[in-house]
Amino acid sequence: VALQVTAIVGSLEAALALQAATTSIAIV
């Protein structure tokens, strides 16, 4: 998130961590 990536791809566990980290970067 700090790198300001455009989108992040991950598994379910990764997406759950990402969900808590950002509401603006696209998560796939």
PDB file of all heavy atoms in Angstrom:
ATOM      1  N   VAL A   1       0.846  -1.201   0.000  1.00  0.00           N
ATOM      2  CA  VAL A   1       0.000   0.000   0.000  1.00  0.00           C
ATOM      3  C   VAL A   1       0.881   1.250   0.000  1.00  0.00           C
ATOM      4  O   VAL A   1       0.616   2.209  -0.727  1.00  0.00           O
ATOM      5  CB  VAL A   1      -0.969  -0.014   1.202  1.00  0.00           C
ATOM      6  CG1 VAL A   1      -1.662   1.329   1.367  1.00  0.00           C
ATOM      7  CG2 VAL A   1      -2.005  -1.128   1.030  1.00  0.00           C
ATOM      8  N   ALA A   2       1.956   1.236   0.775  1.00  0.00           N
ATOM      9  CA  ALA A   2       2.865   2.388   0.839  1.00  0.00           C
ATOM     10  C   ALA A   2       3.545   2.644  -0.505  1.00  0.00           C
ATOM     11  O   ALA A   2       3.878   3.786  -0.827  1.00  0.00           O
ATOM     12  CB  ALA A   2       3.913   2.170   1.924  1.00  0.00           C
ATOM     13  N   LEU A   3       3.725   1.599  -1.302  1.00  0.00           N
ATOM     14  CA  LEU A   3       4.321   1.760  -2.632  1.00  0.00           C
ATOM     15  C   LEU A   3       3.342   2.367  -3.634  1.00  0.00           C
ATOM     16  O   LEU A   3       3.718   2.686  -4.748  1.00  0.00           O
ATOM     17  CB  LEU A   3       4.811   0.410  -3.161  1.00  0.00           C
ATOM     18  CG  LEU A   3       6.022  -0.185  -2.464  1.00  0.00           C
ATOM     19  CD1 LEU A   3       6.281  -1.602  -2.978  1.00  0.00           C
ATOM     20  CD2 LEU A   3       7.236   0.695  -2.680  1.00  0.00           C
ATOM     21  N   GLN A   4       2.089   2.492  -3.233  1.00  0.00           N
ATOM     22  CA  GLN A   4       1.020   3.035  -4.083  1.00  0.00           C
ATOM     23  C   GLN A   4       0.884   2.263  -5.392  1.00  0.00           C
ATOM     24  O   GLN A   4       0.806   2.844  -6.481  1.00  0.00           O
ATOM     25  CB  GLN A   4       1.235   4.520  -4.348  1.00  0.00           C
ATOM     26  CG  GLN A   4       1.187   5.342  -3.100  1.00  0.00           C
ATOM     27  CD  GLN A   4       1.378   6.826  -3.359  1.00  0.00           C
ATOM     28  OE1 GLN A   4       1.759   7.260  -4.432  1.00  0.00           O
ATOM     29  NE2 GLN A   4       1.084   7.614  -2.344  1.00  0.00           N
ATOM     30  N   VAL A   5       0.855   0.920  -5.266  1.00  0.00           N
ATOM     31  CA  VAL A   5       0.633   0.081  -6.441  1.00  0.00           C
ATOM     32  C   VAL A   5      -0.748   0.362  -7.000  1.00  0.00           C
ATOM     33  O   VAL A   5      -1.626   0.886  -6.307  1.00  0.00           O
ATOM     34  CB  VAL A   5       0.799  -1.414  -6.090  1.00  0.00           C
ATOM     35  CG1 VAL A   5       2.220  -1.719  -5.670  1.00  0.00           C
ATOM     36  CG2 VAL A   5      -0.180  -1.843  -5.016  1.00  0.00           C
ATOM     37  N   THR A   6      -0.947   0.021  -8.260  1.00  0.00           N
ATOM     38  CA  THR A   6      -2.238   0.256  -8.901  1.00  0.00           C
ATOM     39  C   THR A   6      -3.274  -0.772  -8.484  1.00  0.00           C
ATOM     40  O   THR A   6      -4.433  -0.451  -8.277  1.00  0.00           O
ATOM     41  CB  THR A   6      -2.068   0.221 -10.437  1.00  0.00           C
ATOM     42  OG1 THR A   6      -1.037   1.144 -10.788  1.00  0.00           O
ATOM     43  CG2 THR A   6      -3.337   0.582 -11.154  1.00  0.00           C
ATOM     44  N   ALA A   7      -2.844  -2.028  -8.386  1.00  0.00           N
ATOM     45  CA  ALA A   7      -3.719  -3.127  -7.984  1.00  0.00           C
ATOM     46  C   ALA A   7      -2.866  -4.161  -7.277  1.00  0.00           C
ATOM     47  O   ALA A   7      -1.645  -4.207  -7.457  1.00  0.00           O
ATOM     48  CB  ALA A   7      -4.398  -3.750  -9.201  1.00  0.00           C
ATOM     49  N   ILE A   8      -3.507  -4.992  -6.449  1.00  0.00           N
ATOM     50  CA  ILE A   8      -2.792  -6.051  -5.742  1.00  0.00           C
ATOM     51  C   ILE A   8      -3.527  -7.364  -5.962  1.00  0.00           C
ATOM     52  O   ILE A   8      -4.743  -7.442  -5.776  1.00  0.00           O
ATOM     53  CB  ILE A   8      -2.673  -5.764  -4.227  1.00  0.00           C
ATOM     54  CG1 ILE A   8      -2.055  -4.378  -3.996  1.00  0.00           C
ATOM     55  CG2 ILE A   8      -1.826  -6.844  -3.554  1.00  0.00           C
ATOM     56  CD1 ILE A   8      -2.051  -3.940  -2.544  1.00  0.00           C
ATOM     57  N   VAL A   9      -2.781  -8.393  -6.343  1.00  0.00           N
ATOM     58  CA  VAL A   9      -3.328  -9.731  -6.590  1.00  0.00           C
ATOM     59  C   VAL A   9      -2.910 -10.627  -5.443  1.00  0.00           C
ATOM     60  O   VAL A   9      -1.752 -10.591  -5.014  1.00  0.00           O
ATOM     61  CB  VAL A   9      -2.788 -10.298  -7.929  1.00  0.00           C
ATOM     62  CG1 VAL A   9      -3.320 -11.696  -8.175  1.00  0.00           C
ATOM     63  CG2 VAL A   9      -3.140  -9.371  -9.082  1.00  0.00           C
ATOM     64  N   GLY A  10      -3.841 -11.435  -4.935  1.00  0.00           N
ATOM     65  CA  GLY A  10      -3.479 -12.342  -3.851  1.00  0.00           C
ATOM     66  C   GLY A  10      -4.531 -13.394  -3.580  1.00  0.00           C
ATOM     67  O   GLY A  10      -5.593 -13.422  -4.189  1.00  0.00           O
ATOM     68  N   SER A  11      -4.211 -14.239  -2.640  1.00  0.00           N
ATOM     69  CA  SER A  11      -5.107 -15.300  -2.188  1.00  0.00           C
ATOM     70  C   SER A  11      -6.126 -14.728  -1.201  1.00  0.00           C
ATOM     71  O   SER A  11      -6.113 -13.537  -0.900  1.00  0.00           O
ATOM     72  CB  SER A  11      -4.290 -16.391  -1.503  1.00  0.00           C
ATOM     73  OG  SER A  11      -3.692 -15.854  -0.335  1.00  0.00           O
ATOM     74  N   LEU A  12      -6.979 -15.580  -0.667  1.00  0.00           N
ATOM     75  CA  LEU A  12      -7.984 -15.143   0.301  1.00  0.00           C
ATOM     76  C   LEU A  12      -7.340 -14.524   1.538  1.00  0.00           C
ATOM     77  O   LEU A  12      -7.716 -13.425   1.961  1.00  0.00           O
ATOM     78  CB  LEU A  12      -8.884 -16.313   0.709  1.00  0.00           C
ATOM     79  CG  LEU A  12      -9.953 -15.983   1.743  1.00  0.00           C
ATOM     80  CD1 LEU A  12     -11.021 -15.083   1.129  1.00  0.00           C
ATOM     81  CD2 LEU A  12     -10.577 -17.238   2.300  1.00  0.00           C
ATOM     82  N   GLU A  13      -6.340 -15.201   2.121  1.00  0.00           N
ATOM     83  CA  GLU A  13      -5.685 -14.664   3.324  1.00  0.00           C
ATOM     84  C   GLU A  13      -5.030 -13.316   3.040  1.00  0.00           C
ATOM     85  O   GLU A  13      -5.110 -12.395   3.837  1.00  0.00           O
ATOM     86  CB  GLU A  13      -4.617 -15.631   3.859  1.00  0.00           C
ATOM     87  CG  GLU A  13      -5.150 -16.941   4.361  1.00  0.00           C
ATOM     88  CD  GLU A  13      -5.122 -18.018   3.284  1.00  0.00           C
ATOM     89  OE1 GLU A  13      -4.880 -17.701   2.113  1.00  0.00           O
ATOM     90  OE2 GLU A  13      -5.356 -19.184   3.632  1.00  0.00           O
ATOM     91  N   ALA A  14      -4.390 -13.227   1.886  1.00  0.00           N
ATOM     92  CA  ALA A  14      -3.741 -11.973   1.497  1.00  0.00           C
ATOM     93  C   ALA A  14      -4.786 -10.877   1.317  1.00  0.00           C
ATOM     94  O   ALA A  14      -4.597  -9.747   1.774  1.00  0.00           O
ATOM     95  CB  ALA A  14      -2.946 -12.171   0.217  1.00  0.00           C
ATOM     96  N   ALA A  15      -5.889 -11.199   0.665  1.00  0.00           N
ATOM     97  CA  ALA A  15      -6.938 -10.208   0.420  1.00  0.00           C
ATOM     98  C   ALA A  15      -7.556  -9.721   1.727  1.00  0.00           C
ATOM     99  O   ALA A  15      -7.906  -8.547   1.849  1.00  0.00           O
ATOM    100  CB  ALA A  15      -8.005 -10.785  -0.501  1.00  0.00           C
ATOM    101  N   LEU A  16      -7.671 -10.595   2.711  1.00  0.00           N
ATOM    102  CA  LEU A  16      -8.198 -10.174   4.016  1.00  0.00           C
ATOM    103  C   LEU A  16      -7.248  -9.172   4.682  1.00  0.00           C
ATOM    104  O   LEU A  16      -7.690  -8.182   5.269  1.00  0.00           O
ATOM    105  CB  LEU A  16      -8.443 -11.386   4.919  1.00  0.00           C
ATOM    106  CG  LEU A  16      -9.641 -12.247   4.522  1.00  0.00           C
ATOM    107  CD1 LEU A  16      -9.617 -13.586   5.258  1.00  0.00           C
ATOM    108  CD2 LEU A  16     -10.947 -11.515   4.764  1.00  0.00           C
ATOM    109  N   ALA A  17      -5.944  -9.418   4.584  1.00  0.00           N
ATOM    110  CA  ALA A  17      -4.976  -8.466   5.134  1.00  0.00           C
ATOM    111  C   ALA A  17      -5.018  -7.153   4.361  1.00  0.00           C
ATOM    112  O   ALA A  17      -4.941  -6.071   4.948  1.00  0.00           O
ATOM    113  CB  ALA A  17      -3.570  -9.067   5.095  1.00  0.00           C
ATOM    114  N   LEU A  18      -5.166  -7.233   3.056  1.00  0.00           N
ATOM    115  CA  LEU A  18      -5.235  -6.037   2.217  1.00  0.00           C
ATOM    116  C   LEU A  18      -6.505  -5.236   2.484  1.00  0.00           C
ATOM    117  O   LEU A  18      -6.486  -4.011   2.460  1.00  0.00           O
ATOM    118  CB  LEU A  18      -5.149  -6.424   0.744  1.00  0.00           C
ATOM    119  CG  LEU A  18      -3.787  -6.946   0.305  1.00  0.00           C
ATOM    120  CD1 LEU A  18      -3.903  -7.708  -1.009  1.00  0.00           C
ATOM    121  CD2 LEU A  18      -2.808  -5.792   0.205  1.00  0.00           C
ATOM    122  N   GLN A  19      -7.603  -5.942   2.738  1.00  0.00           N
ATOM    123  CA  GLN A  19      -8.880  -5.287   3.023  1.00  0.00           C
ATOM    124  C   GLN A  19      -8.740  -4.368   4.238  1.00  0.00           C
ATOM    125  O   GLN A  19      -9.317  -3.282   4.275  1.00  0.00           O
ATOM    126  CB  GLN A  19      -9.950  -6.353   3.278  1.00  0.00           C
ATOM    127  CG  GLN A  19     -11.324  -5.830   3.570  1.00  0.00           C
ATOM    128  CD  GLN A  19     -12.298  -6.961   3.860  1.00  0.00           C
ATOM    129  OE1 GLN A  19     -11.957  -7.949   4.511  1.00  0.00           O
ATOM    130  NE2 GLN A  19     -13.511  -6.826   3.353  1.00  0.00           N
ATOM    131  N   ALA A  20      -7.963  -4.796   5.208  1.00  0.00           N
ATOM    132  CA  ALA A  20      -7.738  -3.979   6.406  1.00  0.00           C
ATOM    133  C   ALA A  20      -6.750  -2.845   6.146  1.00  0.00           C
ATOM    134  O   ALA A  20      -6.734  -1.862   6.874  1.00  0.00           O
ATOM    135  CB  ALA A  20      -7.229  -4.863   7.545  1.00  0.00           C
ATOM    136  N   ALA A  21      -5.935  -2.973   5.094  1.00  0.00           N
ATOM    137  CA  ALA A  21      -4.877  -1.996   4.836  1.00  0.00           C
ATOM    138  C   ALA A  21      -5.274  -0.878   3.875  1.00  0.00           C
ATOM    139  O   ALA A  21      -4.678   0.190   3.910  1.00  0.00           O
ATOM    140  CB  ALA A  21      -3.645  -2.712   4.284  1.00  0.00           C
ATOM    141  N   THR A  22      -6.264  -1.110   3.018  1.00  0.00           N
ATOM    142  CA  THR A  22      -6.620  -0.086   2.027  1.00  0.00           C
ATOM    143  C   THR A  22      -8.067  -0.207   1.576  1.00  0.00           C
ATOM    144  O   THR A  22      -8.609  -1.305   1.499  1.00  0.00           O
ATOM    145  CB  THR A  22      -5.697  -0.146   0.781  1.00  0.00           C
ATOM    146  OG1 THR A  22      -6.055   0.904  -0.115  1.00  0.00           O
ATOM    147  CG2 THR A  22      -5.815  -1.478   0.062  1.00  0.00           C
ATOM    148  N   THR A  23      -8.650   0.938   1.297  1.00  0.00           N
ATOM    149  CA  THR A  23      -9.987   0.975   0.689  1.00  0.00           C
ATOM    150  C   THR A  23      -9.929   1.643  -0.674  1.00  0.00           C
ATOM    151  O   THR A  23     -10.949   1.820  -1.320  1.00  0.00           O
ATOM    152  CB  THR A  23     -10.978   1.747   1.585  1.00  0.00           C
ATOM    153  OG1 THR A  23     -10.478   3.065   1.787  1.00  0.00           O
ATOM    154  CG2 THR A  23     -11.194   1.039   2.905  1.00  0.00           C
ATOM    155  N   SER A  24      -8.717   2.009  -1.108  1.00  0.00           N
ATOM    156  CA  SER A  24      -8.609   2.727  -2.382  1.00  0.00           C
ATOM    157  C   SER A  24      -7.851   1.970  -3.462  1.00  0.00           C
ATOM    158  O   SER A  24      -8.085   2.201  -4.642  1.00  0.00           O
ATOM    159  CB  SER A  24      -7.947   4.091  -2.155  1.00  0.00           C
ATOM    160  OG  SER A  24      -6.665   3.919  -1.596  1.00  0.00           O
ATOM    161  N   ILE A  25      -6.953   1.068  -3.095  1.00  0.00           N
ATOM    162  CA  ILE A  25      -6.214   0.289  -4.096  1.00  0.00           C
ATOM    163  C   ILE A  25      -7.026  -0.946  -4.452  1.00  0.00           C
ATOM    164  O   ILE A  25      -7.555  -1.631  -3.576  1.00  0.00           O
ATOM    165  CB  ILE A  25      -4.827  -0.106  -3.558  1.00  0.00           C
ATOM    166  CG1 ILE A  25      -3.989   1.154  -3.301  1.00  0.00           C
ATOM    167  CG2 ILE A  25      -4.113  -1.038  -4.538  1.00  0.00           C
ATOM    168  CD1 ILE A  25      -2.653   0.896  -2.648  1.00  0.00           C
ATOM    169  N   ALA A  26      -7.106  -1.224  -5.744  1.00  0.00           N
ATOM    170  CA  ALA A  26      -7.865  -2.384  -6.225  1.00  0.00           C
ATOM    171  C   ALA A  26      -7.214  -3.684  -5.751  1.00  0.00           C
ATOM    172  O   ALA A  26      -6.002  -3.849  -5.846  1.00  0.00           O
ATOM    173  CB  ALA A  26      -7.931  -2.360  -7.745  1.00  0.00           C
ATOM    174  N   ILE A  27      -8.047  -4.587  -5.229  1.00  0.00           N
ATOM    175  CA  ILE A  27      -7.599  -5.896  -4.752  1.00  0.00           C
ATOM    176  C   ILE A  27      -8.283  -6.966  -5.599  1.00  0.00           C
ATOM    177  O   ILE A  27      -9.508  -6.980  -5.718  1.00  0.00           O
ATOM    178  CB  ILE A  27      -7.967  -6.101  -3.267  1.00  0.00           C
ATOM    179  CG1 ILE A  27      -7.321  -5.031  -2.404  1.00  0.00           C
ATOM    180  CG2 ILE A  27      -7.565  -7.504  -2.800  1.00  0.00           C
ATOM    181  CD1 ILE A  27      -7.868  -4.979  -0.978  1.00  0.00           C
ATOM    182  N   VAL A  28      -7.477  -7.856  -6.187  1.00  0.00           N
ATOM    183  CA  VAL A  28      -7.998  -8.966  -6.985  1.00  0.00           C
ATOM    184  C   VAL A  28      -7.608 -10.254  -6.278  1.00  0.00           C
ATOM    185  O   VAL A  28      -6.429 -10.527  -6.093  1.00  0.00           O
ATOM    186  CB  VAL A  28      -7.415  -8.966  -8.423  1.00  0.00           C
ATOM    187  CG1 VAL A  28      -7.980 -10.129  -9.224  1.00  0.00           C
ATOM    188  CG2 VAL A  28      -7.685  -7.640  -9.117  1.00  0.00           C
TER     189      VAL A  28
END
